[in-house]
C-alpha atoms as a PDB file:
ATOM      1  CA  MET A   1       0.035   0.023  -0.003  1.00  0.00           C
ATOM      2  CA  LYS A   2       1.358   3.413  -0.910  1.00  0.00           C
ATOM      3  CA  ILE A   3       0.406   7.068  -0.275  1.00  0.00           C
ATOM      4  CA  GLN A   4      -1.000   8.286  -3.542  1.00  0.00           C
ATOM      5  CA  ARG A   5      -2.353  11.768  -3.009  1.00  0.00           C
ATOM      6  CA  ILE A   6      -1.953  14.725  -0.489  1.00  0.00           C
ATOM      7  CA  GLU A   7      -4.416  17.512  -0.438  1.00  0.00           C
ATOM      8  CA  CYS A   8      -5.200  20.856   1.389  1.00  0.00           C
ATOM      9  CA  LEU A   9      -8.473  21.797   1.972  1.00  0.00           C
ATOM     10  CA  GLN A  10      -8.857  25.529   2.790  1.00  0.00           C
ATOM     11  CA  LEU A  11     -11.871  26.157   4.869  1.00  0.00           C
ATOM     12  CA  ARG A  12     -13.254  29.472   6.436  1.00  0.00           C
ATOM     13  CA  SER A  13     -16.397  30.406   8.259  1.00  0.00           C
ATOM     14  CA  PRO A  14     -18.062  33.313   6.812  1.00  0.00           C
ATOM     15  CA  HIS A  15     -19.100  34.491  10.230  1.00  0.00           C
ATOM     16  CA  ALA A  16     -15.481  35.072  11.163  1.00  0.00           C
ATOM     17  CA  ALA A  17     -14.999  37.912  13.785  1.00  0.00           C
ATOM     18  CA  PRO A  18     -11.233  39.072  13.655  1.00  0.00           C
ATOM     19  CA  GLU A  19     -11.565  41.147  16.947  1.00  0.00           C
ATOM     20  CA  ASP A  20     -12.362  37.656  18.783  1.00  0.00           C
ATOM     21  CA  CYS A  21     -10.266  34.841  19.485  1.00  0.00           C
ATOM     22  CA  ASP A  22     -11.932  31.668  17.958  1.00  0.00           C
ATOM     23  CA  GLY A  23      -9.496  29.309  16.577  1.00  0.00           C
ATOM     24  CA  ALA A  24     -12.358  27.414  14.612  1.00  0.00           C
ATOM     25  CA  VAL A  25     -13.193  30.329  12.235  1.00  0.00           C
ATOM     26  CA  ASP A  26     -10.695  28.806   9.510  1.00  0.00           C
ATOM     27  CA  THR A  27      -8.711  25.575   9.080  1.00  0.00           C
ATOM     28  CA  ALA A  28      -6.275  24.064   6.939  1.00  0.00           C
ATOM     29  CA  ALA A  29      -7.374  20.267   6.677  1.00  0.00           C
ATOM     30  CA  ILE A  30      -5.214  18.028   5.121  1.00  0.00           C
ATOM     31  CA  ARG A  31      -6.337  14.787   3.299  1.00  0.00           C
ATOM     32  CA  VAL A  32      -3.942  11.977   2.645  1.00  0.00           C
ATOM     33  CA  THR A  33      -5.306   9.114   0.394  1.00  0.00           C
ATOM     34  CA  ALA A  34      -3.767   5.801  -0.259  1.00  0.00           C
ATOM     35  CA  ASP A  35      -3.866   3.878  -3.575  1.00  0.00           C
ATOM     36  CA  ASN A  36      -6.726   1.630  -2.078  1.00  0.00           C
ATOM     37  CA  GLY A  37      -8.840   4.788  -1.778  1.00  0.00           C
ATOM     38  CA  MET A  38      -8.740   5.171   1.921  1.00  0.00           C
ATOM     39  CA  TYR A  39      -7.987   8.432   3.528  1.00  0.00           C
ATOM     40  CA  GLY A  40      -7.193  10.093   6.569  1.00  0.00           C
ATOM     41  CA  LEU A  41      -7.819  13.792   7.743  1.00  0.00           C
ATOM     42  CA  GLY A  42      -5.643  16.097   9.772  1.00  0.00           C
ATOM     43  CA  GLU A  43      -5.594  19.899  10.444  1.00  0.00           C
ATOM     44  CA  THR A  44      -3.280  22.685  11.664  1.00  0.00           C
ATOM     45  CA  ASP A  45      -3.708  26.028  13.121  1.00  0.00           C
ATOM     46  CA  ALA A  46      -2.512  28.221  10.462  1.00  0.00           C
ATOM     47  CA  PRO A  47      -3.490  30.396   7.852  1.00  0.00           C
ATOM     48  CA  PRO A  48      -5.058  27.996   5.280  1.00  0.00           C
ATOM     49  CA  ASN A  49      -3.579  29.679   2.209  1.00  0.00           C
ATOM     50  CA  ALA A  50       0.031  29.562   3.624  1.00  0.00           C
ATOM     51  CA  ILE A  51      -0.161  25.864   4.421  1.00  0.00           C
ATOM     52  CA  ALA A  52      -1.427  25.239   0.722  1.00  0.00           C
ATOM     53  CA  ALA A  53       1.320  27.253  -0.683  1.00  0.00           C
ATOM     54  CA  LEU A  54       3.942  25.521   1.192  1.00  0.00           C
ATOM     55  CA  LEU A  55       2.375  22.085   0.189  1.00  0.00           C
ATOM     56  CA  GLU A  56       2.808  23.107  -3.504  1.00  0.00           C
ATOM     57  CA  THR A  57       6.362  24.091  -2.968  1.00  0.00           C
ATOM     58  CA  PRO A  58       8.706  22.177  -5.223  1.00  0.00           C
ATOM     59  CA  THR A  59      12.219  20.572  -4.295  1.00  0.00           C
ATOM     60  CA  ALA A  60      15.056  22.841  -4.312  1.00  0.00           C
ATOM     61  CA  HIS A  61      17.816  20.507  -2.926  1.00  0.00           C
ATOM     62  CA  ILE A  62      18.298  17.583  -0.602  1.00  0.00           C
ATOM     63  CA  TRP A  63      17.450  19.582   2.467  1.00  0.00           C
ATOM     64  CA  SER A  64      14.858  21.579   1.076  1.00  0.00           C
ATOM     65  CA  ARG A  65      12.490  19.084  -0.605  1.00  0.00           C
ATOM     66  CA  SER A  66       8.834  19.020  -1.300  1.00  0.00           C
ATOM     67  CA  ILE A  67       6.837  17.276   1.484  1.00  0.00           C
ATOM     68  CA  ARG A  68       4.958  15.619  -1.424  1.00  0.00           C
ATOM     69  CA  ASP A  69       8.250  14.454  -3.240  1.00  0.00           C
ATOM     70  CA  ILE A  70       9.076  12.588   0.164  1.00  0.00           C
ATOM     71  CA  LEU A  71       5.962  11.117   0.994  1.00  0.00           C
ATOM     72  CA  LEU A  72       4.217  10.104  -2.206  1.00  0.00           C
ATOM     73  CA  GLY A  73       4.714   6.388  -2.986  1.00  0.00           C
ATOM     74  CA  GLN A  74       5.637   5.569   0.609  1.00  0.00           C
ATOM     75  CA  ASN A  75       4.018   3.223   2.973  1.00  0.00           C
ATOM     76  CA  PRO A  76       1.511   5.111   4.892  1.00  0.00           C
ATOM     77  CA  LEU A  77       1.632   2.553   8.028  1.00  0.00           C
ATOM     78  CA  GLU A  78       5.143   3.755   8.751  1.00  0.00           C
ATOM     79  CA  VAL A  79       4.113   6.988  10.218  1.00  0.00           C
ATOM     80  CA  GLU A  80       6.900   7.594  12.763  1.00  0.00           C
ATOM     81  CA  GLN A  81       9.573   6.881  10.145  1.00  0.00           C
ATOM     82  CA  LEU A  82       7.845   9.229   7.760  1.00  0.00           C
ATOM     83  CA  TRP A  83       7.982  11.979  10.387  1.00  0.00           C
ATOM     84  CA  ASP A  84      11.656  11.886  10.583  1.00  0.00           C
ATOM     85  CA  GLN A  85      12.119  11.680   6.898  1.00  0.00           C
ATOM     86  CA  VAL A  86       9.968  14.825   6.442  1.00  0.00           C
ATOM     87  CA  TYR A  87      11.789  16.597   9.159  1.00  0.00           C
ATOM     88  CA  GLU A  88      15.252  15.828   7.665  1.00  0.00           C
ATOM     89  CA  GLY A  89      14.346  16.377   4.133  1.00  0.00           C
ATOM     90  CA  THR A  90      12.808  19.838   4.765  1.00  0.00           C
ATOM     91  CA  ILE A  91      15.006  21.024   7.611  1.00  0.00           C
ATOM     92  CA  TYR A  92      16.602  23.820   5.399  1.00  0.00           C
ATOM     93  CA  HIS A  93      13.268  25.979   5.375  1.00  0.00           C
ATOM     94  CA  ALA A  94      10.884  23.984   7.396  1.00  0.00           C
ATOM     95  CA  ARG A  95      12.334  23.000  10.891  1.00  0.00           C
ATOM     96  CA  ARG A  96       9.901  25.232  12.693  1.00  0.00           C
ATOM     97  CA  GLY A  97       7.021  27.621  11.702  1.00  0.00           C
ATOM     98  CA  LEU A  98       4.769  26.588   8.730  1.00  0.00           C
ATOM     99  CA  GLY A  99       6.876  23.667   7.917  1.00  0.00           C
ATOM    100  CA  ILE A 100       6.249  21.981  11.380  1.00  0.00           C
ATOM    101  CA  LEU A 101       2.442  23.035  11.071  1.00  0.00           C
ATOM    102  CA  LEU A 102       1.952  21.336   7.736  1.00  0.00           C
ATOM    103  CA  GLN A 103       3.865  18.387   9.160  1.00  0.00           C
ATOM    104  CA  SER A 104       1.577  18.362  11.983  1.00  0.00           C
ATOM    105  CA  ALA A 105      -1.631  18.173   9.989  1.00  0.00           C
ATOM    106  CA  ILE A 106      -0.001  15.443   7.737  1.00  0.00           C
ATOM    107  CA  ASP A 107       1.084  13.264  10.801  1.00  0.00           C
ATOM    108  CA  ILE A 108      -2.596  13.365  12.249  1.00  0.00           C
ATOM    109  CA  ALA A 109      -3.965  12.553   8.804  1.00  0.00           C
ATOM    110  CA  LEU A 110      -1.353   9.743   8.516  1.00  0.00           C
ATOM    111  CA  HIS A 111      -2.466   8.228  12.068  1.00  0.00           C
ATOM    112  CA  ASP A 112      -6.176   8.480  10.883  1.00  0.00           C
ATOM    113  CA  LEU A 113      -5.313   6.582   7.846  1.00  0.00           C
ATOM    114  CA  ARG A 114      -3.257   4.015   9.565  1.00  0.00           C
ATOM    115  CA  GLY A 115      -6.163   3.309  12.143  1.00  0.00           C
ATOM    116  CA  LYS A 116      -8.581   2.736   9.144  1.00  0.00           C
ATOM    117  CA  ILE A 117      -6.445   0.559   7.244  1.00  0.00           C
ATOM    118  CA  LEU A 118      -5.621  -1.661  10.253  1.00  0.00           C
ATOM    119  CA  GLY A 119      -9.267  -1.417  11.493  1.00  0.00           C
ATOM    120  CA  VAL A 120      -8.326  -0.193  15.046  1.00  0.00           C
ATOM    121  CA  PRO A 121      -8.730   3.128  16.853  1.00  0.00           C
ATOM    122  CA  VAL A 122      -5.761   5.443  16.890  1.00  0.00           C
ATOM    123  CA  TYR A 123      -5.192   5.201  20.610  1.00  0.00           C
ATOM    124  CA  GLN A 124      -4.528   1.572  20.254  1.00  0.00           C
ATOM    125  CA  LEU A 125      -1.749   2.296  17.877  1.00  0.00           C
ATOM    126  CA  LEU A 126      -0.305   4.737  20.362  1.00  0.00           C
ATOM    127  CA  GLY A 127       0.203   1.734  22.782  1.00  0.00           C
ATOM    128  CA  GLY A 128      -3.331   1.281  24.165  1.00  0.00           C
ATOM    129  CA  ALA A 129      -5.313   2.958  26.791  1.00  0.00           C
ATOM    130  CA  ALA A 130      -3.460   4.329  29.651  1.00  0.00           C
ATOM    131  CA  ARG A 131      -6.586   4.571  31.756  1.00  0.00           C
ATOM    132  CA  ALA A 132     -10.116   3.347  31.716  1.00  0.00           C
ATOM    133  CA  HIS A 133     -11.573   6.955  31.447  1.00  0.00           C
ATOM    134  CA  VAL A 134     -10.255  10.426  30.428  1.00  0.00           C
ATOM    135  CA  ILE A 135     -11.514  13.330  32.282  1.00  0.00           C
ATOM    136  CA  PRO A 136     -12.706  16.134  30.151  1.00  0.00           C
ATOM    137  CA  TYR A 137     -12.528  19.647  31.399  1.00  0.00           C
ATOM    138  CA  ALA A 138     -14.730  22.417  30.138  1.00  0.00           C
ATOM    139  CA  THR A 139     -13.219  25.499  28.616  1.00  0.00           C
ATOM    140  CA  LEU A 140     -15.377  28.417  29.720  1.00  0.00           C
ATOM    141  CA  PHE A 141     -14.924  31.249  27.127  1.00  0.00           C
ATOM    142  CA  PRO A 142     -17.009  34.298  27.696  1.00  0.00           C
ATOM    143  CA  SER A 143     -15.396  35.691  24.403  1.00  0.00           C
ATOM    144  CA  MET A 144     -13.380  38.824  24.343  1.00  0.00           C
ATOM    145  CA  PRO A 145     -14.957  41.860  26.348  1.00  0.00           C
ATOM    146  CA  GLN A 146     -15.812  43.864  22.913  1.00  0.00           C
ATOM    147  CA  GLY A 147     -17.269  46.750  24.733  1.00  0.00           C
ATOM    148  CA  ARG A 148     -18.717  44.912  27.811  1.00  0.00           C
ATOM    149  CA  SER A 149     -18.330  45.856  31.391  1.00  0.00           C
ATOM    150  CA  TRP A 150     -16.620  44.189  33.942  1.00  0.00           C
ATOM    151  CA  ALA A 151     -19.792  43.345  35.651  1.00  0.00           C
ATOM    152  CA  GLU A 152     -21.383  41.846  32.502  1.00  0.00           C
ATOM    153  CA  MET A 153     -18.136  39.837  31.882  1.00  0.00           C
ATOM    154  CA  GLN A 154     -18.342  38.534  35.230  1.00  0.00           C
ATOM    155  CA  ASP A 155     -22.024  37.641  34.976  1.00  0.00           C
ATOM    156  CA  CYS A 156     -21.363  35.746  31.745  1.00  0.00           C
ATOM    157  CA  CYS A 157     -18.628  33.774  33.404  1.00  0.00           C
ATOM    158  CA  PHE A 158     -20.713  32.674  36.373  1.00  0.00           C
ATOM    159  CA  ALA A 159     -23.315  31.537  33.891  1.00  0.00           C
ATOM    160  CA  LEU A 160     -20.910  29.543  32.137  1.00  0.00           C
ATOM    161  CA  ILE A 161     -19.769  27.772  35.392  1.00  0.00           C
ATOM    162  CA  ASP A 162     -23.101  27.008  36.417  1.00  0.00           C
ATOM    163  CA  LYS A 163     -23.961  25.602  32.757  1.00  0.00           C
ATOM    164  CA  ALA A 164     -20.783  23.260  33.023  1.00  0.00           C
ATOM    165  CA  ILE A 165     -22.038  21.986  36.749  1.00  0.00           C
ATOM    166  CA  SER A 166     -25.148  21.163  35.234  1.00  0.00           C
ATOM    167  CA  LEU A 167     -23.710  19.240  32.395  1.00  0.00           C
ATOM    168  CA  GLY A 168     -21.712  17.272  35.176  1.00  0.00           C
ATOM    169  CA  PHE A 169     -18.196  18.471  34.473  1.00  0.00           C
ATOM    170  CA  ARG A 170     -15.790  17.624  36.922  1.00  0.00           C
ATOM    171  CA  ALA A 171     -12.884  20.224  35.808  1.00  0.00           C
ATOM    172  CA  MET A 172     -13.255  23.533  34.243  1.00  0.00           C
ATOM    173  CA  LYS A 173     -10.820  26.109  32.725  1.00  0.00           C
ATOM    174  CA  MET A 174     -11.867  29.648  32.902  1.00  0.00           C
ATOM    175  CA  GLU A 175     -10.609  31.712  29.920  1.00  0.00           C
ATOM    176  CA  MET A 176      -9.865  35.020  31.743  1.00  0.00           C
ATOM    177  CA  LEU A 177      -8.630  36.950  28.705  1.00  0.00           C
ATOM    178  CA  PHE A 178      -9.561  40.338  30.331  1.00  0.00           C
ATOM    179  CA  TYR A 179      -6.385  42.361  30.060  1.00  0.00           C
ATOM    180  CA  ASP A 180      -6.917  46.014  30.893  1.00  0.00           C
ATOM    181  CA  LEU A 181     -10.577  45.680  31.607  1.00  0.00           C
ATOM    182  CA  VAL A 182      -9.440  44.777  35.440  1.00  0.00           C
ATOM    183  CA  ASN A 183      -6.389  45.279  37.489  1.00  0.00           C
ATOM    184  CA  ASP A 184      -4.548  42.419  39.330  1.00  0.00           C
ATOM    185  CA  ARG A 185      -6.292  43.046  42.427  1.00  0.00           C
ATOM    186  CA  GLU A 186      -9.898  42.696  40.794  1.00  0.00           C
ATOM    187  CA  LEU A 187      -8.574  39.502  39.114  1.00  0.00           C
ATOM    188  CA  VAL A 188      -7.345  37.749  42.376  1.00  0.00           C
ATOM    189  CA  ARG A 189     -10.910  38.612  43.785  1.00  0.00           C
ATOM    190  CA  PHE A 190     -12.710  37.201  40.705  1.00  0.00           C
ATOM    191  CA  ILE A 191     -10.504  33.822  40.743  1.00  0.00           C
ATOM    192  CA  HIS A 192     -11.481  33.246  44.190  1.00  0.00           C
ATOM    193  CA  GLU A 193     -15.195  34.092  43.663  1.00  0.00           C
ATOM    194  CA  CYS A 194     -15.074  31.476  40.536  1.00  0.00           C
ATOM    195  CA  ARG A 195     -13.932  28.883  42.921  1.00  0.00           C
ATOM    196  CA  LYS A 196     -16.475  29.612  45.597  1.00  0.00           C
ATOM    197  CA  ARG A 197     -19.046  29.316  42.522  1.00  0.00           C
ATOM    198  CA  MET A 198     -17.817  25.944  41.417  1.00  0.00           C
ATOM    199  CA  GLY A 199     -17.112  24.324  44.790  1.00  0.00           C
ATOM    200  CA  ASP A 200     -14.089  22.439  46.162  1.00  0.00           C
ATOM    201  CA  GLY A 201     -14.686  19.224  44.524  1.00  0.00           C
ATOM    202  CA  ARG A 202     -13.554  20.228  41.046  1.00  0.00           C
ATOM    203  CA  ASP A 203     -10.474  20.726  39.359  1.00  0.00           C
ATOM    204  CA  TYR A 204      -9.952  24.355  38.365  1.00  0.00           C
ATOM    205  CA  MET A 205      -7.802  26.085  35.860  1.00  0.00           C
ATOM    206  CA  ILE A 206      -7.627  29.432  34.533  1.00  0.00           C
ATOM    207  CA  ASP A 207      -6.118  30.891  31.218  1.00  0.00           C
ATOM    208  CA  VAL A 208      -4.765  34.398  31.366  1.00  0.00           C
ATOM    209  CA  GLY A 209      -3.572  34.699  27.888  1.00  0.00           C
ATOM    210  CA  TYR A 210       0.006  35.993  28.537  1.00  0.00           C
ATOM    211  CA  ARG A 211      -1.224  38.677  30.741  1.00  0.00           C
ATOM    212  CA  TRP A 212       2.055  39.824  32.315  1.00  0.00           C
ATOM    213  CA  LYS A 213       5.257  41.150  30.941  1.00  0.00           C
ATOM    214  CA  ASN A 214       7.371  40.653  33.821  1.00  0.00           C
ATOM    215  CA  PHE A 215       7.557  37.737  36.320  1.00  0.00           C
ATOM    216  CA  ASN A 216       7.053  40.011  39.437  1.00  0.00           C
ATOM    217  CA  ALA A 217       3.582  40.883  38.523  1.00  0.00           C
ATOM    218  CA  ALA A 218       2.556  37.412  37.704  1.00  0.00           C
ATOM    219  CA  LEU A 219       4.139  36.078  41.030  1.00  0.00           C
ATOM    220  CA  ALA A 220       2.219  38.504  43.051  1.00  0.00           C
ATOM    221  CA  VAL A 221      -0.963  37.369  41.542  1.00  0.00           C
ATOM    222  CA  LEU A 222      -0.213  33.486  41.713  1.00  0.00           C
ATOM    223  CA  ARG A 223       0.968  33.779  45.368  1.00  0.00           C
ATOM    224  CA  ALA A 224      -2.282  35.375  46.125  1.00  0.00           C
ATOM    225  CA  ILE A 225      -4.486  32.609  44.741  1.00  0.00           C
ATOM    226  CA  GLU A 226      -2.447  29.721  45.993  1.00  0.00           C
ATOM    227  CA  ASP A 227      -5.268  29.094  48.432  1.00  0.00           C
ATOM    228  CA  ALA A 228      -7.731  28.764  45.458  1.00  0.00           C
ATOM    229  CA  ARG A 229      -5.837  25.374  44.802  1.00  0.00           C
ATOM    230  CA  LEU A 230      -5.787  25.797  40.979  1.00  0.00           C
ATOM    231  CA  PHE A 231      -4.831  22.782  39.055  1.00  0.00           C
ATOM    232  CA  PHE A 232      -2.799  25.366  36.950  1.00  0.00           C
ATOM    233  CA  VAL A 233      -2.540  28.709  35.498  1.00  0.00           C
ATOM    234  CA  GLU A 234      -1.974  28.751  31.739  1.00  0.00           C
ATOM    235  CA  THR A 235       0.235  31.231  29.930  1.00  0.00           C
ATOM    236  CA  PRO A 236       1.111  33.770  32.558  1.00  0.00           C
ATOM    237  CA  LEU A 237       4.075  34.703  30.693  1.00  0.00           C
ATOM    238  CA  HIS A 238       5.239  34.689  26.974  1.00  0.00           C
ATOM    239  CA  THR A 239       6.518  31.291  25.793  1.00  0.00           C
ATOM    240  CA  ASP A 240      10.011  32.835  24.959  1.00  0.00           C
ATOM    241  CA  ASP A 241      10.430  34.000  28.488  1.00  0.00           C
ATOM    242  CA  LEU A 242      12.127  30.881  29.837  1.00  0.00           C
ATOM    243  CA  GLU A 243      14.018  32.575  32.625  1.00  0.00           C
ATOM    244  CA  GLY A 244      10.765  34.498  33.928  1.00  0.00           C
ATOM    245  CA  LEU A 245       8.631  31.263  33.765  1.00  0.00           C
ATOM    246  CA  ALA A 246      11.360  29.520  35.538  1.00  0.00           C
ATOM    247  CA  ARG A 247      11.512  32.093  38.295  1.00  0.00           C
ATOM    248  CA  LEU A 248       7.917  32.191  38.477  1.00  0.00           C
ATOM    249  CA  ALA A 249       7.276  28.271  38.802  1.00  0.00           C
ATOM    250  CA  ASP A 250      10.306  28.245  41.491  1.00  0.00           C
ATOM    251  CA  GLY A 251       8.419  31.012  43.459  1.00  0.00           C
ATOM    252  CA  THR A 252       4.845  29.785  43.730  1.00  0.00           C
ATOM    253  CA  THR A 253       2.777  26.625  44.666  1.00  0.00           C
ATOM    254  CA  THR A 254       0.461  27.459  41.749  1.00  0.00           C
ATOM    255  CA  PRO A 255       1.118  25.124  38.996  1.00  0.00           C
ATOM    256  CA  VAL A 256       2.155  26.670  35.916  1.00  0.00           C
ATOM    257  CA  ALA A 257       1.156  25.392  32.277  1.00  0.00           C
ATOM    258  CA  VAL A 258       2.803  26.502  28.998  1.00  0.00           C
ATOM    259  CA  GLY A 259       3.179  25.174  25.594  1.00  0.00           C
ATOM    260  CA  GLU A 260       0.252  25.748  23.090  1.00  0.00           C
ATOM    261  CA  PHE A 261       2.676  27.403  20.748  1.00  0.00           C
ATOM    262  CA  LEU A 262       5.593  25.228  20.995  1.00  0.00           C
ATOM    263  CA  GLN A 263       6.954  23.142  18.110  1.00  0.00           C
ATOM    264  CA  THR A 264       8.762  19.820  18.369  1.00  0.00           C
ATOM    265  CA  ARG A 265      10.367  17.921  21.312  1.00  0.00           C
ATOM    266  CA  HIS A 266      13.472  20.037  21.087  1.00  0.00           C
ATOM    267  CA  GLU A 267      11.560  23.365  22.169  1.00  0.00           C
ATOM    268  CA  PHE A 268       9.573  21.435  24.988  1.00  0.00           C
ATOM    269  CA  ARG A 269      12.680  19.990  26.329  1.00  0.00           C
ATOM    270  CA  GLU A 270      14.094  23.542  26.693  1.00  0.00           C
ATOM    271  CA  LEU A 271      10.738  24.697  28.288  1.00  0.00           C
ATOM    272  CA  MET A 272      10.813  21.732  30.784  1.00  0.00           C
ATOM    273  CA  ASP A 273      14.372  22.177  31.545  1.00  0.00           C
ATOM    274  CA  ARG A 274      14.963  25.782  31.428  1.00  0.00           C
ATOM    275  CA  GLY A 275      11.562  26.909  32.098  1.00  0.00           C
ATOM    276  CA  HIS A 276      10.728  24.639  35.003  1.00  0.00           C
ATOM    277  CA  CYS A 277       6.775  24.589  34.062  1.00  0.00           C
ATOM    278  CA  ASP A 278       4.807  22.099  35.926  1.00  0.00           C
ATOM    279  CA  VAL A 279       2.460  21.210  33.013  1.00  0.00           C
ATOM    280  CA  ILE A 280       3.293  20.833  29.185  1.00  0.00           C
ATOM    281  CA  GLN A 281       0.601  21.632  26.405  1.00  0.00           C
ATOM    282  CA  PRO A 282       1.286  20.417  23.194  1.00  0.00           C
ATOM    283  CA  ASP A 283      -1.076  20.946  20.513  1.00  0.00           C
ATOM    284  CA  LEU A 284      -1.060  18.249  18.153  1.00  0.00           C
ATOM    285  CA  GLY A 285      -1.704  20.720  15.244  1.00  0.00           C
ATOM    286  CA  ARG A 286       1.222  22.851  16.046  1.00  0.00           C
ATOM    287  CA  ALA A 287       3.769  20.735  17.982  1.00  0.00           C
ATOM    288  CA  GLY A 288       4.367  18.407  15.187  1.00  0.00           C
ATOM    289  CA  GLY A 289       1.426  16.098  15.033  1.00  0.00           C
ATOM    290  CA  ILE A 290       0.557  12.963  17.211  1.00  0.00           C
ATOM    291  CA  THR A 291       4.028  11.477  16.666  1.00  0.00           C
ATOM    292  CA  GLU A 292       5.929  14.388  18.250  1.00  0.00           C
ATOM    293  CA  ALA A 293       3.624  14.943  20.770  1.00  0.00           C
ATOM    294  CA  MET A 294       3.821  11.510  22.292  1.00  0.00           C
ATOM    295  CA  ARG A 295       7.668  11.979  22.252  1.00  0.00           C
ATOM    296  CA  CYS A 296       7.117  15.209  24.268  1.00  0.00           C
ATOM    297  CA  ALA A 297       4.643  13.365  26.469  1.00  0.00           C
ATOM    298  CA  ARG A 298       7.127  10.815  27.253  1.00  0.00           C
ATOM    299  CA  MET A 299       9.865  13.364  27.993  1.00  0.00           C
ATOM    300  CA  ALA A 300       7.457  15.034  30.509  1.00  0.00           C
ATOM    301  CA  ALA A 301       6.864  11.709  32.233  1.00  0.00           C
ATOM    302  CA  GLU A 302      10.475  11.285  32.726  1.00  0.00           C
ATOM    303  CA  ARG A 303      10.480  14.382  34.547  1.00  0.00           C
ATOM    304  CA  GLY A 304       7.435  13.878  36.607  1.00  0.00           C
ATOM    305  CA  LEU A 305       5.472  16.445  34.809  1.00  0.00           C
ATOM    306  CA  TYR A 306       1.813  16.439  33.443  1.00  0.00           C
ATOM    307  CA  CYS A 307       1.007  16.563  29.780  1.00  0.00           C
ATOM    308  CA  VAL A 308      -2.531  18.535  29.138  1.00  0.00           C
ATOM    309  CA  PRO A 309      -2.816  18.526  25.387  1.00  0.00           C
ATOM    310  CA  HIS A 310      -4.077  21.933  23.929  1.00  0.00           C
ATOM    311  CA  ALA A 311      -6.825  22.151  21.333  1.00  0.00           C
ATOM    312  CA  TRP A 312      -8.497  25.069  20.065  1.00  0.00           C
ATOM    313  CA  LYS A 313      -9.625  24.246  16.722  1.00  0.00           C
ATOM    314  CA  THR A 314     -12.223  22.075  14.960  1.00  0.00           C
ATOM    315  CA  GLY A 315     -13.703  18.528  15.674  1.00  0.00           C
ATOM    316  CA  LEU A 316     -10.559  17.183  13.863  1.00  0.00           C
ATOM    317  CA  SER A 317      -8.394  18.423  16.529  1.00  0.00           C
ATOM    318  CA  GLY A 318     -10.585  17.265  19.095  1.00  0.00           C
ATOM    319  CA  ALA A 319     -10.941  13.806  17.924  1.00  0.00           C
ATOM    320  CA  ALA A 320      -7.046  13.335  17.407  1.00  0.00           C
ATOM    321  CA  THR A 321      -6.636  14.858  20.895  1.00  0.00           C
ATOM    322  CA  ARG A 322      -8.974  12.503  22.688  1.00  0.00           C
ATOM    323  CA  HIS A 323      -6.963   9.403  21.296  1.00  0.00           C
ATOM    324  CA  PHE A 324      -3.798  11.180  22.207  1.00  0.00           C
ATOM    325  CA  GLY A 325      -5.291  11.709  25.862  1.00  0.00           C
ATOM    326  CA  ALA A 326      -6.229   8.085  26.179  1.00  0.00           C
ATOM    327  CA  ALA A 327      -2.855   6.813  25.509  1.00  0.00           C
ATOM    328  CA  VAL A 328      -0.969   9.230  27.632  1.00  0.00           C
ATOM    329  CA  ALA A 329      -0.446   8.214  31.265  1.00  0.00           C
ATOM    330  CA  ASN A 330       0.655  11.586  32.625  1.00  0.00           C
END
């Protein structure tokens, strides 16, 4: 069996709102088809036209090859070997950035195709279920403020908490992308109010969307909310600020989660060893696909860290992430 065709399907919602933060308004979906007619689907979180253009790029030389030239005619079952071949064959122009984004989508599609060919779910291809159940968390996103008052934003957040409780969620993550709508003192108070609203029996996470530019401001807040017993605070500082992240993680008992923008195990190794984070968050559509995310998860396990995958895209990413989560013990 051989890979016969690789296509990029450029999809965009007509209802996209540029001032919001909805990752599903567009997607670059990749379809990999074998010579028996079976196909697999994947996606990445990048401008679809840019991904399509890169897929069409011809070979220049041995380190700047066309991804199609590398993969067409290959055995679609040899997914991990194909990942390494693509990485080495495109290392001149695609070792990070759009190259890894495209490779991520192709890798997800290859896992999907392999599962269909063999007639087994993808999590079994990854070593099998690491647990009987995966606990989902509800991402509570009140959207960006867009002219709403602080009181209106709070009411919206409380309504989302109540809805998640009514649906039976045992874990919740509140997207607190309020930025200059509130000061840090108000944010601390609100974090405690959300904990009180959801009760003590649920895992509680927050995403502050890179709110702080220096670790001192972040540290003051994370210390002030230690008694709220958060499972983690996501992206308190910019991903590139490894020194600040390390000082922050070392200075508070509130766990720090980072990694939604990182690519390949090489960047995650640096995050873990230099950034001292407590939780890594590989996004399958950005980090390098399922193959590379599994490598990152194993590295985290060796260091005693949690791996909580990030997904902010369509159902394609959601499905792939659930299989990944089922197979990862940490």
